[in-house]
Amino acid sequence: MANYSIQVNGKTHEVDVMDDMPLLWVLRDLIGLTGTKFGCGKALCGACTVHLNGNAIRSCSYPVSAVKDGKITTIEGLSEKGDHPLQKAWEKHIVPQCGYCQTGQIMNAASLLNRNPTPTEAEIEQAMEGNLCRCGTYNRIRAAILEVASK
């Protein structure tokens, strides 16, 4: 066991965990931020996507020991009131069906738009291809991202 001081959504949290504990479980079970979802546990589906220093990572396979002095942002930290432009576009385009993958989708899209504020459809598809949606709302996801990118 080791003690880690990690910054999540602008707040510092002290956690005493094993070095290899996935960040996902620190966020959900120890800090209580349950917006980040467990999907596959192998970094294949994207449901667990969060930001580390603004870059999208898969928290289910990212050990807490690797965070070091990085800044983590979860869906709860993306917007205090849930009114981030992507969240609004998600609602407008009726993206979620079951909703399970949506936090990971939004976090990945936000990282994309931070890197590239005006992506093409092809760039969106390439950036989002690792985030799986069982309901198949990919066209609506792309439309929501394009709407935010156009503003």
N, C-alpha and C. Protein backbone atom coordinates (compact mmCIF):
# COMPACT_ATOMS: atom_id res chain seq x y z
N MET A 1 0.85 -1.17 0.00
CA MET A 1 0.00 0.00 0.00
C MET A 1 0.89 1.24 0.00
N ALA A 2 0.41 2.26 -0.71
CA ALA A 2 1.13 3.52 -0.76
C ALA A 2 0.12 4.66 -0.70
N ASN A 3 0.58 5.79 -0.24
CA ASN A 3 -0.28 6.96 -0.16
C ASN A 3 -0.03 7.84 -1.37
N TYR A 4 -1.11 8.19 -2.06
CA TYR A 4 -1.02 9.05 -3.24
C TYR A 4 -1.87 10.29 -3.01
N SER A 5 -1.34 11.39 -3.47
CA SER A 5 -2.07 12.65 -3.46
C SER A 5 -2.38 12.96 -4.92
N ILE A 6 -3.66 12.86 -5.29
CA ILE A 6 -4.02 13.09 -6.68
C ILE A 6 -5.00 14.25 -6.78
N GLN A 7 -4.85 15.00 -7.85
CA GLN A 7 -5.73 16.15 -8.07
C GLN A 7 -6.82 15.75 -9.07
N VAL A 8 -8.05 15.82 -8.61
CA VAL A 8 -9.20 15.44 -9.44
C VAL A 8 -10.20 16.59 -9.43
N ASN A 9 -10.51 17.08 -10.62
CA ASN A 9 -11.47 18.18 -10.77
C ASN A 9 -11.12 19.37 -9.89
N GLY A 10 -9.82 19.65 -9.79
CA GLY A 10 -9.36 20.81 -9.04
C GLY A 10 -9.23 20.62 -7.54
N LYS A 11 -9.53 19.43 -7.03
CA LYS A 11 -9.42 19.15 -5.61
C LYS A 11 -8.37 18.07 -5.38
N THR A 12 -7.63 18.19 -4.30
CA THR A 12 -6.62 17.19 -3.97
C THR A 12 -7.23 16.13 -3.07
N HIS A 13 -6.96 14.87 -3.41
CA HIS A 13 -7.47 13.72 -2.64
C HIS A 13 -6.29 12.86 -2.23
N GLU A 14 -6.28 12.44 -0.98
CA GLU A 14 -5.28 11.52 -0.47
C GLU A 14 -5.89 10.12 -0.48
N VAL A 15 -5.21 9.19 -1.12
CA VAL A 15 -5.70 7.81 -1.15
C VAL A 15 -4.56 6.87 -0.79
N ASP A 16 -4.87 5.84 -0.04
CA ASP A 16 -3.90 4.83 0.38
C ASP A 16 -4.29 3.53 -0.31
N VAL A 17 -3.59 3.21 -1.39
CA VAL A 17 -3.97 2.08 -2.24
C VAL A 17 -2.74 1.35 -2.75
N MET A 18 -2.96 0.22 -3.37
CA MET A 18 -1.89 -0.51 -4.04
C MET A 18 -1.44 0.29 -5.26
N ASP A 19 -0.15 0.20 -5.60
CA ASP A 19 0.41 0.95 -6.73
C ASP A 19 -0.31 0.67 -8.05
N ASP A 20 -0.76 -0.55 -8.23
CA ASP A 20 -1.35 -0.93 -9.51
C ASP A 20 -2.87 -0.79 -9.55
N MET A 21 -3.46 -0.19 -8.52
CA MET A 21 -4.92 -0.03 -8.53
C MET A 21 -5.30 0.89 -9.68
N PRO A 22 -6.24 0.46 -10.53
CA PRO A 22 -6.67 1.31 -11.64
C PRO A 22 -7.30 2.61 -11.13
N LEU A 23 -6.99 3.68 -11.83
CA LEU A 23 -7.54 4.99 -11.50
C LEU A 23 -9.06 4.95 -11.42
N LEU A 24 -9.70 4.18 -12.28
CA LEU A 24 -11.17 4.07 -12.29
C LEU A 24 -11.71 3.75 -10.90
N TRP A 25 -11.10 2.78 -10.24
CA TRP A 25 -11.62 2.35 -8.94
C TRP A 25 -11.31 3.38 -7.85
N VAL A 26 -10.21 4.10 -7.99
CA VAL A 26 -9.93 5.19 -7.06
C VAL A 26 -11.02 6.26 -7.20
N LEU A 27 -11.33 6.62 -8.45
CA LEU A 27 -12.34 7.65 -8.71
C LEU A 27 -13.71 7.22 -8.19
N ARG A 28 -14.13 6.02 -8.53
CA ARG A 28 -15.48 5.57 -8.19
C ARG A 28 -15.61 5.16 -6.72
N ASP A 29 -14.73 4.28 -6.27
CA ASP A 29 -14.91 3.67 -4.96
C ASP A 29 -14.35 4.48 -3.80
N LEU A 30 -13.27 5.21 -4.04
CA LEU A 30 -12.65 5.93 -2.94
C LEU A 30 -13.03 7.41 -2.91
N ILE A 31 -13.12 8.03 -4.07
CA ILE A 31 -13.45 9.45 -4.12
C ILE A 31 -14.95 9.67 -4.28
N GLY A 32 -15.66 8.68 -4.83
CA GLY A 32 -17.12 8.76 -4.95
C GLY A 32 -17.62 9.44 -6.22
N LEU A 33 -16.77 9.54 -7.23
CA LEU A 33 -17.18 10.12 -8.51
C LEU A 33 -17.59 8.98 -9.44
N THR A 34 -18.88 8.73 -9.49
CA THR A 34 -19.38 7.56 -10.21
C THR A 34 -19.80 7.84 -11.65
N GLY A 35 -19.55 9.04 -12.15
CA GLY A 35 -19.88 9.34 -13.54
C GLY A 35 -19.02 8.56 -14.53
N THR A 36 -17.79 8.25 -14.14
CA THR A 36 -16.90 7.45 -14.98
C THR A 36 -17.32 6.00 -14.84
N LYS A 37 -17.55 5.33 -15.96
CA LYS A 37 -18.12 3.98 -15.94
C LYS A 37 -17.09 2.88 -16.19
N PHE A 38 -17.36 1.73 -15.64
CA PHE A 38 -16.60 0.52 -15.95
C PHE A 38 -17.28 -0.16 -17.12
N GLY A 39 -16.53 -0.44 -18.17
CA GLY A 39 -17.09 -1.13 -19.32
C GLY A 39 -16.47 -2.50 -19.50
N CYS A 40 -15.22 -2.52 -19.93
CA CYS A 40 -14.58 -3.79 -20.26
C CYS A 40 -13.41 -4.13 -19.35
N GLY A 41 -12.80 -3.15 -18.73
CA GLY A 41 -11.65 -3.38 -17.87
C GLY A 41 -10.34 -3.62 -18.62
N LYS A 42 -10.38 -3.46 -19.95
CA LYS A 42 -9.19 -3.71 -20.76
C LYS A 42 -8.85 -2.55 -21.69
N ALA A 43 -9.42 -1.39 -21.43
CA ALA A 43 -9.17 -0.17 -22.22
C ALA A 43 -9.59 -0.32 -23.68
N LEU A 44 -10.63 -1.11 -23.92
CA LEU A 44 -11.08 -1.35 -25.29
C LEU A 44 -12.36 -0.61 -25.66
N CYS A 45 -13.19 -0.24 -24.68
CA CYS A 45 -14.51 0.31 -25.01
C CYS A 45 -14.63 1.82 -24.81
N GLY A 46 -13.83 2.40 -23.93
CA GLY A 46 -13.85 3.84 -23.73
C GLY A 46 -14.84 4.35 -22.70
N ALA A 47 -15.63 3.50 -22.07
CA ALA A 47 -16.61 3.97 -21.08
C ALA A 47 -15.94 4.66 -19.90
N CYS A 48 -14.69 4.32 -19.63
CA CYS A 48 -13.97 4.83 -18.46
C CYS A 48 -13.10 6.04 -18.78
N THR A 49 -13.28 6.66 -19.92
CA THR A 49 -12.40 7.75 -20.35
C THR A 49 -12.49 8.97 -19.43
N VAL A 50 -11.32 9.44 -19.00
CA VAL A 50 -11.17 10.67 -18.23
C VAL A 50 -10.02 11.44 -18.86
N HIS A 51 -9.76 12.64 -18.37
CA HIS A 51 -8.63 13.42 -18.87
C HIS A 51 -7.51 13.40 -17.84
N LEU A 52 -6.30 13.25 -18.32
CA LEU A 52 -5.09 13.44 -17.53
C LEU A 52 -4.33 14.56 -18.22
N ASN A 53 -4.26 15.70 -17.54
CA ASN A 53 -3.63 16.90 -18.13
C ASN A 53 -4.24 17.24 -19.49
N GLY A 54 -5.56 17.05 -19.61
CA GLY A 54 -6.28 17.41 -20.82
C GLY A 54 -6.33 16.34 -21.89
N ASN A 55 -5.59 15.26 -21.71
CA ASN A 55 -5.58 14.18 -22.70
C ASN A 55 -6.46 13.03 -22.24
N ALA A 56 -7.21 12.46 -23.16
CA ALA A 56 -8.09 11.34 -22.84
C ALA A 56 -7.27 10.10 -22.53
N ILE A 57 -7.60 9.45 -21.40
CA ILE A 57 -6.98 8.18 -21.03
C ILE A 57 -8.07 7.22 -20.60
N ARG A 58 -7.76 5.95 -20.61
CA ARG A 58 -8.68 4.92 -20.14
C ARG A 58 -8.35 4.60 -18.69
N SER A 59 -9.21 5.03 -17.80
CA SER A 59 -8.92 4.91 -16.38
C SER A 59 -8.99 3.48 -15.85
N CYS A 60 -9.61 2.57 -16.59
CA CYS A 60 -9.73 1.19 -16.11
C CYS A 60 -8.39 0.45 -16.15
N SER A 61 -7.47 0.93 -16.97
CA SER A 61 -6.18 0.25 -17.09
C SER A 61 -5.01 1.17 -16.73
N TYR A 62 -5.31 2.35 -16.24
CA TYR A 62 -4.27 3.32 -15.91
C TYR A 62 -4.02 3.26 -14.40
N PRO A 63 -2.86 2.80 -13.99
CA PRO A 63 -2.62 2.68 -12.54
C PRO A 63 -2.50 4.03 -11.86
N VAL A 64 -3.03 4.12 -10.66
CA VAL A 64 -2.99 5.37 -9.91
C VAL A 64 -1.56 5.85 -9.72
N SER A 65 -0.61 4.95 -9.64
CA SER A 65 0.79 5.33 -9.45
C SER A 65 1.34 6.12 -10.64
N ALA A 66 0.74 5.96 -11.81
CA ALA A 66 1.21 6.67 -13.01
C ALA A 66 0.68 8.10 -13.10
N VAL A 67 -0.29 8.44 -12.28
CA VAL A 67 -0.87 9.79 -12.32
C VAL A 67 0.18 10.82 -11.90
N LYS A 68 0.97 10.48 -10.89
CA LYS A 68 1.99 11.37 -10.34
C LYS A 68 1.40 12.73 -10.00
N ASP A 69 1.92 13.82 -10.56
CA ASP A 69 1.40 15.15 -10.23
C ASP A 69 0.43 15.66 -11.30
N GLY A 70 -0.10 14.74 -12.11
CA GLY A 70 -1.04 15.12 -13.16
C GLY A 70 -2.38 15.57 -12.62
N LYS A 71 -3.11 16.25 -13.47
CA LYS A 71 -4.44 16.74 -13.12
C LYS A 71 -5.49 15.90 -13.84
N ILE A 72 -6.35 15.29 -13.07
CA ILE A 72 -7.42 14.44 -13.60
C ILE A 72 -8.70 15.26 -13.71
N THR A 73 -9.41 15.10 -14.82
CA THR A 73 -10.75 15.68 -14.97
C THR A 73 -11.69 14.54 -15.33
N THR A 74 -12.78 14.45 -14.58
CA THR A 74 -13.82 13.47 -14.87
C THR A 74 -15.02 14.21 -15.46
N ILE A 75 -16.05 13.47 -15.83
CA ILE A 75 -17.25 14.09 -16.38
C ILE A 75 -17.84 15.09 -15.38
N GLU A 76 -17.71 14.81 -14.09
CA GLU A 76 -18.23 15.73 -13.08
C GLU A 76 -17.47 17.05 -13.09
N GLY A 77 -16.21 17.02 -13.51
CA GLY A 77 -15.39 18.22 -13.53
C GLY A 77 -15.39 18.94 -14.86
N LEU A 78 -15.99 18.34 -15.88
CA LEU A 78 -16.03 18.97 -17.19
C LEU A 78 -16.86 20.25 -17.14
N SER A 79 -17.95 20.19 -16.39
CA SER A 79 -18.82 21.36 -16.24
C SER A 79 -19.54 21.23 -14.90
N GLU A 80 -19.47 22.28 -14.12
CA GLU A 80 -20.06 22.25 -12.79
C GLU A 80 -21.57 21.99 -12.83
N LYS A 81 -22.24 22.55 -13.84
CA LYS A 81 -23.70 22.44 -13.92
C LYS A 81 -24.18 21.50 -15.03
N GLY A 82 -23.25 20.77 -15.64
CA GLY A 82 -23.65 19.88 -16.73
C GLY A 82 -24.03 20.62 -17.99
N ASP A 83 -23.47 21.83 -18.16
CA ASP A 83 -23.85 22.63 -19.32
C ASP A 83 -22.67 22.90 -20.27
N HIS A 84 -21.72 21.99 -20.26
CA HIS A 84 -20.63 22.08 -21.24
C HIS A 84 -21.25 22.03 -22.63
N PRO A 85 -20.69 22.74 -23.60
CA PRO A 85 -21.27 22.72 -24.96
C PRO A 85 -21.50 21.32 -25.51
N LEU A 86 -20.60 20.39 -25.23
CA LEU A 86 -20.82 19.02 -25.70
C LEU A 86 -22.02 18.38 -25.02
N GLN A 87 -22.18 18.61 -23.73
CA GLN A 87 -23.33 18.05 -23.02
C GLN A 87 -24.63 18.61 -23.57
N LYS A 88 -24.64 19.89 -23.87
CA LYS A 88 -25.84 20.50 -24.46
C LYS A 88 -26.12 19.93 -25.85
N ALA A 89 -25.06 19.77 -26.65
CA ALA A 89 -25.23 19.21 -28.00
C ALA A 89 -25.70 17.76 -27.93
N TRP A 90 -25.21 17.02 -26.93
CA TRP A 90 -25.63 15.62 -26.75
C TRP A 90 -27.14 15.57 -26.54
N GLU A 91 -27.64 16.48 -25.72
CA GLU A 91 -29.08 16.52 -25.46
C GLU A 91 -29.84 16.94 -26.71
N LYS A 92 -29.37 17.98 -27.37
CA LYS A 92 -30.05 18.50 -28.56
C LYS A 92 -30.17 17.42 -29.65
N HIS A 93 -29.10 16.64 -29.84
CA HIS A 93 -29.09 15.62 -30.89
C HIS A 93 -29.60 14.26 -30.40
N ILE A 94 -30.12 14.24 -29.18
CA ILE A 94 -30.68 13.02 -28.58
C ILE A 94 -29.70 11.86 -28.76
N VAL A 95 -28.47 12.10 -28.35
CA VAL A 95 -27.42 11.09 -28.52
C VAL A 95 -27.65 9.87 -27.64
N PRO A 96 -27.84 10.03 -26.33
CA PRO A 96 -27.91 8.84 -25.48
C PRO A 96 -29.17 8.02 -25.70
N GLN A 97 -28.99 6.74 -25.68
CA GLN A 97 -30.14 5.84 -25.62
C GLN A 97 -30.08 5.16 -24.26
N CYS A 98 -29.22 4.17 -24.10
CA CYS A 98 -29.07 3.60 -22.76
C CYS A 98 -28.23 4.53 -21.90
N GLY A 99 -27.33 5.30 -22.54
CA GLY A 99 -26.53 6.30 -21.84
C GLY A 99 -25.26 5.81 -21.20
N TYR A 100 -25.03 4.51 -21.17
CA TYR A 100 -23.91 3.98 -20.42
C TYR A 100 -22.56 4.48 -20.92
N CYS A 101 -22.36 4.56 -22.20
CA CYS A 101 -21.06 4.94 -22.76
C CYS A 101 -20.88 6.45 -22.86
N GLN A 102 -21.91 7.21 -22.58
CA GLN A 102 -21.90 8.63 -22.92
C GLN A 102 -20.87 9.46 -22.19
N THR A 103 -20.59 9.17 -20.92
CA THR A 103 -19.58 9.98 -20.24
C THR A 103 -18.22 9.79 -20.90
N GLY A 104 -17.89 8.57 -21.26
CA GLY A 104 -16.62 8.32 -21.95
C GLY A 104 -16.59 8.95 -23.33
N GLN A 105 -17.72 8.91 -24.03
CA GLN A 105 -17.81 9.53 -25.35
C GLN A 105 -17.58 11.04 -25.24
N ILE A 106 -18.25 11.67 -24.29
CA ILE A 106 -18.14 13.12 -24.12
C ILE A 106 -16.72 13.50 -23.71
N MET A 107 -16.12 12.75 -22.81
CA MET A 107 -14.76 13.07 -22.37
C MET A 107 -13.77 12.91 -23.53
N ASN A 108 -13.94 11.90 -24.35
CA ASN A 108 -13.05 11.72 -25.50
C ASN A 108 -13.27 12.86 -26.51
N ALA A 109 -14.51 13.22 -26.74
CA ALA A 109 -14.82 14.32 -27.67
C ALA A 109 -14.25 15.64 -27.16
N ALA A 110 -14.35 15.88 -25.86
CA ALA A 110 -13.81 17.12 -25.29
C ALA A 110 -12.30 17.18 -25.46
N SER A 111 -11.63 16.06 -25.29
CA SER A 111 -10.18 16.02 -25.49
C SER A 111 -9.84 16.30 -26.96
N LEU A 112 -10.61 15.71 -27.86
CA LEU A 112 -10.41 15.96 -29.29
C LEU A 112 -10.54 17.45 -29.59
N LEU A 113 -11.62 18.08 -29.11
CA LEU A 113 -11.86 19.49 -29.42
C LEU A 113 -10.83 20.41 -28.75
N ASN A 114 -10.26 19.98 -27.64
CA ASN A 114 -9.18 20.76 -27.03
C ASN A 114 -7.94 20.74 -27.91
N ARG A 115 -7.68 19.60 -28.54
CA ARG A 115 -6.51 19.46 -29.43
C ARG A 115 -6.77 20.06 -30.80
N ASN A 116 -8.00 19.90 -31.27
CA ASN A 116 -8.36 20.29 -32.63
C ASN A 116 -9.78 20.88 -32.60
N PRO A 117 -9.90 22.20 -32.43
CA PRO A 117 -11.23 22.82 -32.28
C PRO A 117 -12.14 22.71 -33.51
N THR A 118 -11.57 22.44 -34.68
CA THR A 118 -12.38 22.34 -35.89
C THR A 118 -12.06 21.06 -36.68
N PRO A 119 -12.35 19.92 -36.09
CA PRO A 119 -12.04 18.67 -36.78
C PRO A 119 -12.98 18.40 -37.95
N THR A 120 -12.48 17.68 -38.92
CA THR A 120 -13.32 17.22 -40.03
C THR A 120 -14.10 15.99 -39.55
N GLU A 121 -15.06 15.57 -40.35
CA GLU A 121 -15.81 14.35 -40.00
C GLU A 121 -14.87 13.17 -39.90
N ALA A 122 -13.91 13.09 -40.81
CA ALA A 122 -12.95 11.97 -40.78
C ALA A 122 -12.09 12.01 -39.52
N GLU A 123 -11.70 13.21 -39.10
CA GLU A 123 -10.89 13.33 -37.88
C GLU A 123 -11.72 12.96 -36.64
N ILE A 124 -12.98 13.31 -36.66
CA ILE A 124 -13.87 12.92 -35.55
C ILE A 124 -14.00 11.41 -35.50
N GLU A 125 -14.27 10.81 -36.64
CA GLU A 125 -14.42 9.35 -36.68
C GLU A 125 -13.16 8.65 -36.19
N GLN A 126 -12.01 9.14 -36.63
CA GLN A 126 -10.75 8.53 -36.22
C GLN A 126 -10.54 8.68 -34.71
N ALA A 127 -10.78 9.86 -34.18
CA ALA A 127 -10.57 10.12 -32.76
C ALA A 127 -11.55 9.33 -31.88
N MET A 128 -12.75 9.12 -32.37
CA MET A 128 -13.80 8.50 -31.56
C MET A 128 -13.92 6.99 -31.77
N GLU A 129 -13.16 6.43 -32.70
CA GLU A 129 -13.36 5.02 -33.05
C GLU A 129 -13.12 4.05 -31.89
N GLY A 130 -12.37 4.42 -30.89
CA GLY A 130 -12.13 3.54 -29.76
C GLY A 130 -13.21 3.60 -28.69
N ASN A 131 -14.18 4.49 -28.83
CA ASN A 131 -15.28 4.56 -27.88
C ASN A 131 -16.48 3.84 -28.48
N LEU A 132 -16.86 2.75 -27.86
CA LEU A 132 -17.93 1.92 -28.39
C LEU A 132 -19.28 2.30 -27.81
N CYS A 133 -20.30 2.22 -28.68
CA CYS A 133 -21.68 2.51 -28.28
C CYS A 133 -22.53 1.33 -28.73
N ARG A 134 -23.03 0.60 -27.78
CA ARG A 134 -23.86 -0.57 -28.13
C ARG A 134 -25.16 -0.18 -28.80
N CYS A 135 -25.64 1.02 -28.54
CA CYS A 135 -26.89 1.48 -29.14
C CYS A 135 -26.70 2.00 -30.56
N GLY A 136 -25.44 2.23 -30.95
CA GLY A 136 -25.16 2.64 -32.33
C GLY A 136 -25.51 4.08 -32.65
N THR A 137 -25.32 4.98 -31.71
CA THR A 137 -25.67 6.38 -31.97
C THR A 137 -24.50 7.18 -32.57
N TYR A 138 -23.65 6.52 -33.30
CA TYR A 138 -22.44 7.16 -33.84
C TYR A 138 -22.75 8.38 -34.72
N ASN A 139 -23.79 8.31 -35.54
CA ASN A 139 -24.12 9.46 -36.40
C ASN A 139 -24.52 10.67 -35.56
N ARG A 140 -25.27 10.44 -34.48
CA ARG A 140 -25.67 11.54 -33.62
C ARG A 140 -24.49 12.08 -32.81
N ILE A 141 -23.59 11.19 -32.41
CA ILE A 141 -22.37 11.61 -31.70
C ILE A 141 -21.57 12.54 -32.61
N ARG A 142 -21.37 12.11 -33.84
CA ARG A 142 -20.60 12.92 -34.80
C ARG A 142 -21.29 14.26 -35.04
N ALA A 143 -22.61 14.26 -35.18
CA ALA A 143 -23.35 15.51 -35.41
C ALA A 143 -23.20 16.46 -34.22
N ALA A 144 -23.25 15.93 -33.01
CA ALA A 144 -23.10 16.77 -31.82
C ALA A 144 -21.71 17.38 -31.75
N ILE A 145 -20.70 16.59 -32.06
CA ILE A 145 -19.32 17.11 -32.04
C ILE A 145 -19.15 18.16 -33.13
N LEU A 146 -19.68 17.90 -34.31
CA LEU A 146 -19.56 18.88 -35.40
C LEU A 146 -20.26 20.19 -35.04
N GLU A 147 -21.39 20.10 -34.36
CA GLU A 147 -22.10 21.33 -33.97
C GLU A 147 -21.25 22.16 -33.01
N VAL A 148 -20.63 21.52 -32.03
CA VAL A 148 -19.79 22.25 -31.08
C VAL A 148 -18.55 22.81 -31.80
N ALA A 149 -18.00 22.05 -32.71
CA ALA A 149 -16.80 22.47 -33.43
C ALA A 149 -17.09 23.67 -34.33
N SER A 150 -18.32 23.80 -34.79
CA SER A 150 -18.66 24.88 -35.71
C SER A 150 -18.85 26.22 -35.00
N LYS A 151 -18.91 26.19 -33.68
CA LYS A 151 -19.19 27.43 -32.92
C LYS A 151 -17.92 28.11 -32.48
